[in-house]
Amino acid sequence: TCNYNSSPAVLQLYNIPVVNISVDEGTMVLSLHTAYD
């Protein structure tokens, strides 16, 4: 999905931001939430 409410728009997988997709390496870089206390 592409979230056009952000500027610039944000590509998402399961509502997780996608930073990069590589066909050559078969990888996808996601911006995952950090756990904290």
PDB file of all heavy atoms in Angstrom:
ATOM      1  N   THR A   1       0.847  -1.196   0.000  1.00  0.00           N
ATOM      2  CA  THR A   1       0.000   0.000   0.000  1.00  0.00           C
ATOM      3  C   THR A   1       0.878   1.239   0.000  1.00  0.00           C
ATOM      4  O   THR A   1       2.018   1.208   0.473  1.00  0.00           O
ATOM      5  CB  THR A   1      -0.930   0.034   1.225  1.00  0.00           C
ATOM      6  OG1 THR A   1      -0.129  -0.016   2.412  1.00  0.00           O
ATOM      7  CG2 THR A   1      -1.890  -1.139   1.212  1.00  0.00           C
ATOM      8  N   CYS A   2       0.330   2.321  -0.518  1.00  0.00           N
ATOM      9  CA  CYS A   2       1.061   3.590  -0.551  1.00  0.00           C
ATOM     10  C   CYS A   2       0.258   4.612   0.252  1.00  0.00           C
ATOM     11  O   CYS A   2      -0.887   4.941  -0.088  1.00  0.00           O
ATOM     12  CB  CYS A   2       1.250   4.067  -1.984  1.00  0.00           C
ATOM     13  SG  CYS A   2       2.378   5.479  -2.121  1.00  0.00           S
ATOM     14  N   ASN A   3       0.852   5.088   1.340  1.00  0.00           N
ATOM     15  CA  ASN A   3       0.181   6.059   2.212  1.00  0.00           C
ATOM     16  C   ASN A   3       0.474   7.468   1.693  1.00  0.00           C
ATOM     17  O   ASN A   3       1.550   8.019   1.910  1.00  0.00           O
ATOM     18  CB  ASN A   3       0.683   5.887   3.651  1.00  0.00           C
ATOM     19  CG  ASN A   3      -0.029   6.815   4.618  1.00  0.00           C
ATOM     20  OD1 ASN A   3      -0.892   7.606   4.232  1.00  0.00           O
ATOM     21  ND2 ASN A   3       0.344   6.731   5.881  1.00  0.00           N
ATOM     22  N   TYR A   4      -0.522   8.051   1.023  1.00  0.00           N
ATOM     23  CA  TYR A   4      -0.354   9.371   0.431  1.00  0.00           C
ATOM     24  C   TYR A   4      -0.637  10.492   1.431  1.00  0.00           C
ATOM     25  O   TYR A   4      -0.512  11.673   1.086  1.00  0.00           O
ATOM     26  CB  TYR A   4      -1.274   9.525  -0.783  1.00  0.00           C
ATOM     27  CG  TYR A   4      -0.900   8.601  -1.915  1.00  0.00           C
ATOM     28  CD1 TYR A   4      -1.620   7.429  -2.142  1.00  0.00           C
ATOM     29  CD2 TYR A   4       0.171   8.902  -2.753  1.00  0.00           C
ATOM     30  CE1 TYR A   4      -1.278   6.573  -3.185  1.00  0.00           C
ATOM     31  CE2 TYR A   4       0.521   8.053  -3.801  1.00  0.00           C
ATOM     32  CZ  TYR A   4      -0.205   6.894  -4.006  1.00  0.00           C
ATOM     33  OH  TYR A   4       0.149   6.050  -5.029  1.00  0.00           O
ATOM     34  N   ASN A   5      -0.994  10.121   2.673  1.00  0.00           N
ATOM     35  CA  ASN A   5      -1.239  11.150   3.685  1.00  0.00           C
ATOM     36  C   ASN A   5       0.061  11.759   4.202  1.00  0.00           C
ATOM     37  O   ASN A   5       0.054  12.801   4.849  1.00  0.00           O
ATOM     38  CB  ASN A   5      -2.022  10.556   4.864  1.00  0.00           C
ATOM     39  CG  ASN A   5      -3.434  10.159   4.454  1.00  0.00           C
ATOM     40  OD1 ASN A   5      -4.030  10.811   3.598  1.00  0.00           O
ATOM     41  ND2 ASN A   5      -3.940   9.078   5.038  1.00  0.00           N
ATOM     42  N   SER A   6       1.183  11.054   3.975  1.00  0.00           N
ATOM     43  CA  SER A   6       2.491  11.574   4.381  1.00  0.00           C
ATOM     44  C   SER A   6       3.124  12.305   3.209  1.00  0.00           C
ATOM     45  O   SER A   6       2.761  12.106   2.051  1.00  0.00           O
ATOM     46  CB  SER A   6       3.400  10.432   4.833  1.00  0.00           C
ATOM     47  OG  SER A   6       2.828   9.743   5.924  1.00  0.00           O
ATOM     48  N   SER A   7       4.105  13.124   3.530  1.00  0.00           N
ATOM     49  CA  SER A   7       4.828  13.846   2.485  1.00  0.00           C
ATOM     50  C   SER A   7       6.339  13.701   2.733  1.00  0.00           C
ATOM     51  O   SER A   7       6.844  14.239   3.714  1.00  0.00           O
ATOM     52  CB  SER A   7       4.434  15.328   2.470  1.00  0.00           C
ATOM     53  OG  SER A   7       5.116  16.003   1.425  1.00  0.00           O
ATOM     54  N   PRO A   8       7.063  12.966   1.865  1.00  0.00           N
ATOM     55  CA  PRO A   8       6.530  12.244   0.702  1.00  0.00           C
ATOM     56  C   PRO A   8       5.719  11.023   1.118  1.00  0.00           C
ATOM     57  O   PRO A   8       5.723  10.634   2.276  1.00  0.00           O
ATOM     58  CB  PRO A   8       7.804  11.838  -0.043  1.00  0.00           C
ATOM     59  CG  PRO A   8       8.825  11.699   1.036  1.00  0.00           C
ATOM     60  CD  PRO A   8       8.521  12.775   2.038  1.00  0.00           C
ATOM     61  N   ALA A   9       5.032  10.413   0.134  1.00  0.00           N
ATOM     62  CA  ALA A   9       4.217   9.229   0.396  1.00  0.00           C
ATOM     63  C   ALA A   9       5.095   8.101   0.930  1.00  0.00           C
ATOM     64  O   ALA A   9       6.292   8.028   0.637  1.00  0.00           O
ATOM     65  CB  ALA A   9       3.500   8.795  -0.887  1.00  0.00           C
ATOM     66  N   VAL A  10       4.482   7.216   1.726  1.00  0.00           N
ATOM     67  CA  VAL A  10       5.225   6.132   2.376  1.00  0.00           C
ATOM     68  C   VAL A  10       4.721   4.785   1.872  1.00  0.00           C
ATOM     69  O   VAL A  10       3.522   4.493   1.949  1.00  0.00           O
ATOM     70  CB  VAL A  10       5.090   6.201   3.913  1.00  0.00           C
ATOM     71  CG1 VAL A  10       5.799   5.020   4.569  1.00  0.00           C
ATOM     72  CG2 VAL A  10       5.657   7.518   4.432  1.00  0.00           C
ATOM     73  N   LEU A  11       5.627   3.958   1.348  1.00  0.00           N
ATOM     74  CA  LEU A  11       5.299   2.594   0.928  1.00  0.00           C
ATOM     75  C   LEU A  11       5.204   1.719   2.174  1.00  0.00           C
ATOM     76  O   LEU A  11       6.045   1.820   3.076  1.00  0.00           O
ATOM     77  CB  LEU A  11       6.381   2.062  -0.013  1.00  0.00           C
ATOM     78  CG  LEU A  11       6.128   0.703  -0.649  1.00  0.00           C
ATOM     79  CD1 LEU A  11       4.925   0.748  -1.587  1.00  0.00           C
ATOM     80  CD2 LEU A  11       7.373   0.222  -1.405  1.00  0.00           C
ATOM     81  N   GLN A  12       4.174   0.829   2.234  1.00  0.00           N
ATOM     82  CA  GLN A  12       3.957   0.053   3.453  1.00  0.00           C
ATOM     83  C   GLN A  12       3.674  -1.417   3.155  1.00  0.00           C
ATOM     84  O   GLN A  12       3.020  -1.754   2.167  1.00  0.00           O
ATOM     85  CB  GLN A  12       2.770   0.626   4.248  1.00  0.00           C
ATOM     86  CG  GLN A  12       3.020   2.014   4.819  1.00  0.00           C
ATOM     87  CD  GLN A  12       1.815   2.565   5.557  1.00  0.00           C
ATOM     88  OE1 GLN A  12       0.682   2.281   5.182  1.00  0.00           O
ATOM     89  NE2 GLN A  12       2.056   3.319   6.609  1.00  0.00           N
ATOM     90  N   LEU A  13       4.197  -2.275   4.049  1.00  0.00           N
ATOM     91  CA  LEU A  13       3.856  -3.689   4.099  1.00  0.00           C
ATOM     92  C   LEU A  13       3.271  -3.956   5.477  1.00  0.00           C
ATOM     93  O   LEU A  13       3.952  -3.761   6.490  1.00  0.00           O
ATOM     94  CB  LEU A  13       5.107  -4.567   3.885  1.00  0.00           C
ATOM     95  CG  LEU A  13       4.935  -6.063   4.121  1.00  0.00           C
ATOM     96  CD1 LEU A  13       4.114  -6.692   2.996  1.00  0.00           C
ATOM     97  CD2 LEU A  13       6.290  -6.771   4.229  1.00  0.00           C
ATOM     98  N   TYR A  14       2.003  -4.383   5.546  1.00  0.00           N
ATOM     99  CA  TYR A  14       1.311  -4.570   6.837  1.00  0.00           C
ATOM    100  C   TYR A  14       1.403  -3.296   7.688  1.00  0.00           C
ATOM    101  O   TYR A  14       1.682  -3.350   8.881  1.00  0.00           O
ATOM    102  CB  TYR A  14       1.911  -5.714   7.643  1.00  0.00           C
ATOM    103  CG  TYR A  14       2.184  -6.979   6.883  1.00  0.00           C
ATOM    104  CD1 TYR A  14       3.383  -7.661   7.043  1.00  0.00           C
ATOM    105  CD2 TYR A  14       1.234  -7.510   6.011  1.00  0.00           C
ATOM    106  CE1 TYR A  14       3.636  -8.834   6.349  1.00  0.00           C
ATOM    107  CE2 TYR A  14       1.481  -8.671   5.320  1.00  0.00           C
ATOM    108  CZ  TYR A  14       2.679  -9.332   5.485  1.00  0.00           C
ATOM    109  OH  TYR A  14       2.928 -10.484   4.797  1.00  0.00           O
ATOM    110  N   ASN A  15       1.285  -2.127   7.095  1.00  0.00           N
ATOM    111  CA  ASN A  15       1.373  -0.829   7.783  1.00  0.00           C
ATOM    112  C   ASN A  15       2.774  -0.525   8.303  1.00  0.00           C
ATOM    113  O   ASN A  15       2.957   0.388   9.118  1.00  0.00           O
ATOM    114  CB  ASN A  15       0.376  -0.752   8.949  1.00  0.00           C
ATOM    115  CG  ASN A  15      -1.061  -0.792   8.469  1.00  0.00           C
ATOM    116  OD1 ASN A  15      -1.379  -0.234   7.417  1.00  0.00           O
ATOM    117  ND2 ASN A  15      -1.919  -1.464   9.209  1.00  0.00           N
ATOM    118  N   ILE A  16       3.776  -1.284   7.853  1.00  0.00           N
ATOM    119  CA  ILE A  16       5.167  -1.025   8.237  1.00  0.00           C
ATOM    120  C   ILE A  16       5.846  -0.292   7.081  1.00  0.00           C
ATOM    121  O   ILE A  16       5.782  -0.752   5.931  1.00  0.00           O
ATOM    122  CB  ILE A  16       5.926  -2.336   8.512  1.00  0.00           C
ATOM    123  CG1 ILE A  16       5.194  -3.167   9.561  1.00  0.00           C
ATOM    124  CG2 ILE A  16       7.345  -2.054   8.974  1.00  0.00           C
ATOM    125  CD1 ILE A  16       5.748  -4.569   9.695  1.00  0.00           C
ATOM    126  N   PRO A  17       6.523   0.832   7.339  1.00  0.00           N
ATOM    127  CA  PRO A  17       7.198   1.553   6.258  1.00  0.00           C
ATOM    128  C   PRO A  17       8.268   0.701   5.573  1.00  0.00           C
ATOM    129  O   PRO A  17       9.063   0.031   6.229  1.00  0.00           O
ATOM    130  CB  PRO A  17       7.820   2.761   6.985  1.00  0.00           C
ATOM    131  CG  PRO A  17       6.993   2.933   8.222  1.00  0.00           C
ATOM    132  CD  PRO A  17       6.584   1.553   8.628  1.00  0.00           C
ATOM    133  N   VAL A  18       8.259   0.730   4.243  1.00  0.00           N
ATOM    134  CA  VAL A  18       9.260   0.029   3.433  1.00  0.00           C
ATOM    135  C   VAL A  18      10.280   1.053   2.953  1.00  0.00           C
ATOM    136  O   VAL A  18       9.932   2.049   2.323  1.00  0.00           O
ATOM    137  CB  VAL A  18       8.602  -0.679   2.236  1.00  0.00           C
ATOM    138  CG1 VAL A  18       9.660  -1.358   1.374  1.00  0.00           C
ATOM    139  CG2 VAL A  18       7.566  -1.687   2.709  1.00  0.00           C
ATOM    140  N   VAL A  19      11.556   0.804   3.233  1.00  0.00           N
ATOM    141  CA  VAL A  19      12.620   1.744   2.892  1.00  0.00           C
ATOM    142  C   VAL A  19      13.253   1.414   1.543  1.00  0.00           C
ATOM    143  O   VAL A  19      13.647   2.307   0.791  1.00  0.00           O
ATOM    144  CB  VAL A  19      13.706   1.734   3.998  1.00  0.00           C
ATOM    145  CG1 VAL A  19      14.853   2.672   3.644  1.00  0.00           C
ATOM    146  CG2 VAL A  19      13.098   2.119   5.336  1.00  0.00           C
ATOM    147  N   ASN A  20      13.337   0.111   1.229  1.00  0.00           N
ATOM    148  CA  ASN A  20      14.002  -0.290  -0.021  1.00  0.00           C
ATOM    149  C   ASN A  20      13.571  -1.705  -0.380  1.00  0.00           C
ATOM    150  O   ASN A  20      13.299  -2.522   0.496  1.00  0.00           O
ATOM    151  CB  ASN A  20      15.526  -0.227   0.142  1.00  0.00           C
ATOM    152  CG  ASN A  20      16.266  -0.753  -1.073  1.00  0.00           C
ATOM    153  OD1 ASN A  20      16.647  -1.912  -1.107  1.00  0.00           O
ATOM    154  ND2 ASN A  20      16.451   0.097  -2.066  1.00  0.00           N
ATOM    155  N   ILE A  21      13.509  -2.000  -1.689  1.00  0.00           N
ATOM    156  CA  ILE A  21      13.255  -3.357  -2.184  1.00  0.00           C
ATOM    157  C   ILE A  21      14.348  -3.699  -3.192  1.00  0.00           C
ATOM    158  O   ILE A  21      14.618  -2.919  -4.102  1.00  0.00           O
ATOM    159  CB  ILE A  21      11.874  -3.475  -2.859  1.00  0.00           C
ATOM    160  CG1 ILE A  21      10.756  -3.124  -1.876  1.00  0.00           C
ATOM    161  CG2 ILE A  21      11.667  -4.882  -3.415  1.00  0.00           C
ATOM    162  CD1 ILE A  21       9.379  -3.072  -2.517  1.00  0.00           C
ATOM    163  N   SER A  22      14.986  -4.867  -3.033  1.00  0.00           N
ATOM    164  CA  SER A  22      16.018  -5.306  -3.963  1.00  0.00           C
ATOM    165  C   SER A  22      15.611  -6.627  -4.594  1.00  0.00           C
ATOM    166  O   SER A  22      15.408  -7.625  -3.899  1.00  0.00           O
ATOM    167  CB  SER A  22      17.361  -5.480  -3.237  1.00  0.00           C
ATOM    168  OG  SER A  22      18.312  -6.086  -4.099  1.00  0.00           O
ATOM    169  N   VAL A  23      15.481  -6.621  -5.925  1.00  0.00           N
ATOM    170  CA  VAL A  23      15.177  -7.854  -6.656  1.00  0.00           C
ATOM    171  C   VAL A  23      16.421  -8.724  -6.741  1.00  0.00           C
ATOM    172  O   VAL A  23      16.352  -9.951  -6.624  1.00  0.00           O
ATOM    173  CB  VAL A  23      14.637  -7.523  -8.067  1.00  0.00           C
ATOM    174  CG1 VAL A  23      14.511  -8.784  -8.912  1.00  0.00           C
ATOM    175  CG2 VAL A  23      13.287  -6.827  -7.961  1.00  0.00           C
ATOM    176  N   ASP A  24      17.594  -8.101  -6.925  1.00  0.00           N
ATOM    177  CA  ASP A  24      18.841  -8.865  -7.056  1.00  0.00           C
ATOM    178  C   ASP A  24      19.162  -9.663  -5.800  1.00  0.00           C
ATOM    179  O   ASP A  24      19.613 -10.806  -5.876  1.00  0.00           O
ATOM    180  CB  ASP A  24      20.011  -7.926  -7.370  1.00  0.00           C
ATOM    181  CG  ASP A  24      19.922  -7.351  -8.776  1.00  0.00           C
ATOM    182  OD1 ASP A  24      19.168  -7.921  -9.584  1.00  0.00           O
ATOM    183  OD2 ASP A  24      20.598  -6.344  -9.049  1.00  0.00           O
ATOM    184  N   GLU A  25      18.930  -9.069  -4.617  1.00  0.00           N
ATOM    185  CA  GLU A  25      19.277  -9.741  -3.365  1.00  0.00           C
ATOM    186  C   GLU A  25      18.090 -10.436  -2.714  1.00  0.00           C
ATOM    187  O   GLU A  25      18.270 -11.190  -1.755  1.00  0.00           O
ATOM    188  CB  GLU A  25      19.870  -8.730  -2.377  1.00  0.00           C
ATOM    189  CG  GLU A  25      21.196  -8.146  -2.824  1.00  0.00           C
ATOM    190  CD  GLU A  25      21.826  -7.274  -1.760  1.00  0.00           C
ATOM    191  OE1 GLU A  25      21.071  -6.626  -0.991  1.00  0.00           O
ATOM    192  OE2 GLU A  25      23.050  -7.241  -1.668  1.00  0.00           O
ATOM    193  N   GLY A  26      16.893 -10.184  -3.209  1.00  0.00           N
ATOM    194  CA  GLY A  26      15.710 -10.789  -2.606  1.00  0.00           C
ATOM    195  C   GLY A  26      15.459 -10.271  -1.204  1.00  0.00           C
ATOM    196  O   GLY A  26      15.111 -11.032  -0.303  1.00  0.00           O
ATOM    197  N   THR A  27      15.641  -8.952  -1.020  1.00  0.00           N
ATOM    198  CA  THR A  27      15.491  -8.365   0.316  1.00  0.00           C
ATOM    199  C   THR A  27      14.560  -7.162   0.283  1.00  0.00           C
ATOM    200  O   THR A  27      14.326  -6.551  -0.760  1.00  0.00           O
ATOM    201  CB  THR A  27      16.849  -7.912   0.882  1.00  0.00           C
ATOM    202  OG1 THR A  27      17.433  -6.939  -0.001  1.00  0.00           O
ATOM    203  CG2 THR A  27      17.786  -9.086   1.063  1.00  0.00           C
ATOM    204  N   MET A  28      14.048  -6.846   1.482  1.00  0.00           N
ATOM    205  CA  MET A  28      13.228  -5.661   1.678  1.00  0.00           C
ATOM    206  C   MET A  28      13.647  -5.040   3.009  1.00  0.00           C
ATOM    207  O   MET A  28      13.718  -5.737   4.026  1.00  0.00           O
ATOM    208  CB  MET A  28      11.745  -6.048   1.714  1.00  0.00           C
ATOM    209  CG  MET A  28      10.797  -4.899   2.032  1.00  0.00           C
ATOM    210  SD  MET A  28       9.086  -5.487   2.210  1.00  0.00           S
ATOM    211  CE  MET A  28       8.699  -5.897   0.529  1.00  0.00           C
ATOM    212  N   VAL A  29      13.982  -3.756   2.998  1.00  0.00           N
ATOM    213  CA  VAL A  29      14.359  -3.064   4.222  1.00  0.00           C
ATOM    214  C   VAL A  29      13.122  -2.396   4.802  1.00  0.00           C
ATOM    215  O   VAL A  29      12.465  -1.596   4.137  1.00  0.00           O
ATOM    216  CB  VAL A  29      15.467  -2.017   3.962  1.00  0.00           C
ATOM    217  CG1 VAL A  29      15.820  -1.286   5.259  1.00  0.00           C
ATOM    218  CG2 VAL A  29      16.700  -2.682   3.385  1.00  0.00           C
ATOM    219  N   LEU A  30      12.782  -2.766   6.062  1.00  0.00           N
ATOM    220  CA  LEU A  30      11.614  -2.215   6.743  1.00  0.00           C
ATOM    221  C   LEU A  30      12.043  -1.357   7.925  1.00  0.00           C
ATOM    222  O   LEU A  30      13.091  -1.599   8.529  1.00  0.00           O
ATOM    223  CB  LEU A  30      10.710  -3.340   7.259  1.00  0.00           C
ATOM    224  CG  LEU A  30      10.185  -4.351   6.242  1.00  0.00           C
ATOM    225  CD1 LEU A  30       9.322  -5.391   6.932  1.00  0.00           C
ATOM    226  CD2 LEU A  30       9.395  -3.655   5.145  1.00  0.00           C
ATOM    227  N   SER A  31      11.239  -0.369   8.255  1.00  0.00           N
ATOM    228  CA  SER A  31      11.489   0.474   9.423  1.00  0.00           C
ATOM    229  C   SER A  31      10.618  -0.040  10.563  1.00  0.00           C
ATOM    230  O   SER A  31       9.452   0.320  10.679  1.00  0.00           O
ATOM    231  CB  SER A  31      11.158   1.936   9.101  1.00  0.00           C
ATOM    232  OG  SER A  31      11.450   2.764  10.203  1.00  0.00           O
ATOM    233  N   LEU A  32      11.191  -0.934  11.406  1.00  0.00           N
ATOM    234  CA  LEU A  32      10.433  -1.590  12.469  1.00  0.00           C
ATOM    235  C   LEU A  32      10.462  -0.778  13.758  1.00  0.00           C
ATOM    236  O   LEU A  32      11.464  -0.125  14.074  1.00  0.00           O
ATOM    237  CB  LEU A  32      11.002  -2.982  12.744  1.00  0.00           C
ATOM    238  CG  LEU A  32      10.915  -4.001  11.601  1.00  0.00           C
ATOM    239  CD1 LEU A  32      11.502  -5.332  12.038  1.00  0.00           C
ATOM    240  CD2 LEU A  32       9.476  -4.185  11.152  1.00  0.00           C
ATOM    241  N   HIS A  33       9.393  -0.865  14.530  1.00  0.00           N
ATOM    242  CA  HIS A  33       9.316  -0.170  15.810  1.00  0.00           C
ATOM    243  C   HIS A  33      10.368  -0.689  16.781  1.00  0.00           C
ATOM    244  O   HIS A  33      10.712  -1.873  16.781  1.00  0.00           O
ATOM    245  CB  HIS A  33       7.933  -0.341  16.446  1.00  0.00           C
ATOM    246  CG  HIS A  33       6.868   0.492  15.791  1.00  0.00           C
ATOM    247  ND1 HIS A  33       6.947   1.862  15.687  1.00  0.00           N
ATOM    248  CD2 HIS A  33       5.696   0.132  15.199  1.00  0.00           C
ATOM    249  CE1 HIS A  33       5.872   2.318  15.076  1.00  0.00           C
ATOM    250  NE2 HIS A  33       5.099   1.290  14.750  1.00  0.00           N
ATOM    251  N   THR A  34      10.863   0.208  17.625  1.00  0.00           N
ATOM    252  CA  THR A  34      11.832  -0.128  18.660  1.00  0.00           C
ATOM    253  C   THR A  34      11.108  -0.400  19.977  1.00  0.00           C
ATOM    254  O   THR A  34      10.218   0.351  20.361  1.00  0.00           O
ATOM    255  CB  THR A  34      12.823   1.037  18.848  1.00  0.00           C
ATOM    256  OG1 THR A  34      13.520   1.258  17.623  1.00  0.00           O
ATOM    257  CG2 THR A  34      13.831   0.723  19.943  1.00  0.00           C
ATOM    258  N   ALA A  35      11.504  -1.496  20.665  1.00  0.00           N
ATOM    259  CA  ALA A  35      10.977  -1.752  22.016  1.00  0.00           C
ATOM    260  C   ALA A  35      11.780  -0.925  23.021  1.00  0.00           C
ATOM    261  O   ALA A  35      12.992  -0.748  22.846  1.00  0.00           O
ATOM    262  CB  ALA A  35      11.077  -3.235  22.354  1.00  0.00           C
ATOM    263  N   TYR A  36      11.119  -0.407  24.058  1.00  0.00           N
ATOM    264  CA  TYR A  36      11.843   0.423  25.022  1.00  0.00           C
ATOM    265  C   TYR A  36      11.163   0.394  26.378  1.00  0.00           C
ATOM    266  O   TYR A  36      10.012  -0.041  26.513  1.00  0.00           O
ATOM    267  CB  TYR A  36      11.935   1.875  24.521  1.00  0.00           C
ATOM    268  CG  TYR A  36      10.606   2.579  24.387  1.00  0.00           C
ATOM    269  CD1 TYR A  36      10.019   3.246  25.473  1.00  0.00           C
ATOM    270  CD2 TYR A  36       9.933   2.590  23.166  1.00  0.00           C
ATOM    271  CE1 TYR A  36       8.802   3.890  25.338  1.00  0.00           C
ATOM    272  CE2 TYR A  36       8.709   3.224  23.029  1.00  0.00           C
ATOM    273  CZ  TYR A  36       8.144   3.877  24.126  1.00  0.00           C
ATOM    274  OH  TYR A  36       6.930   4.510  24.001  1.00  0.00           O
ATOM    275  N   ASP A  37      11.885   0.826  27.413  1.00  0.00           N
ATOM    276  CA  ASP A  37      11.306   1.076  28.730  1.00  0.00           C
ATOM    277  C   ASP A  37      12.023   2.279  29.336  1.00  0.00           C
ATOM    278  O   ASP A  37      13.243   2.365  29.298  1.00  0.00           O
ATOM    279  CB  ASP A  37      11.401  -0.151  29.644  1.00  0.00           C
ATOM    280  CG  ASP A  37      12.813  -0.659  29.816  1.00  0.00           C
ATOM    281  OD1 ASP A  37      13.642  -0.438  28.914  1.00  0.00           O
ATOM    282  OD2 ASP A  37      13.104  -1.287  30.860  1.00  0.00           O
TER     283      ASP A  37
END
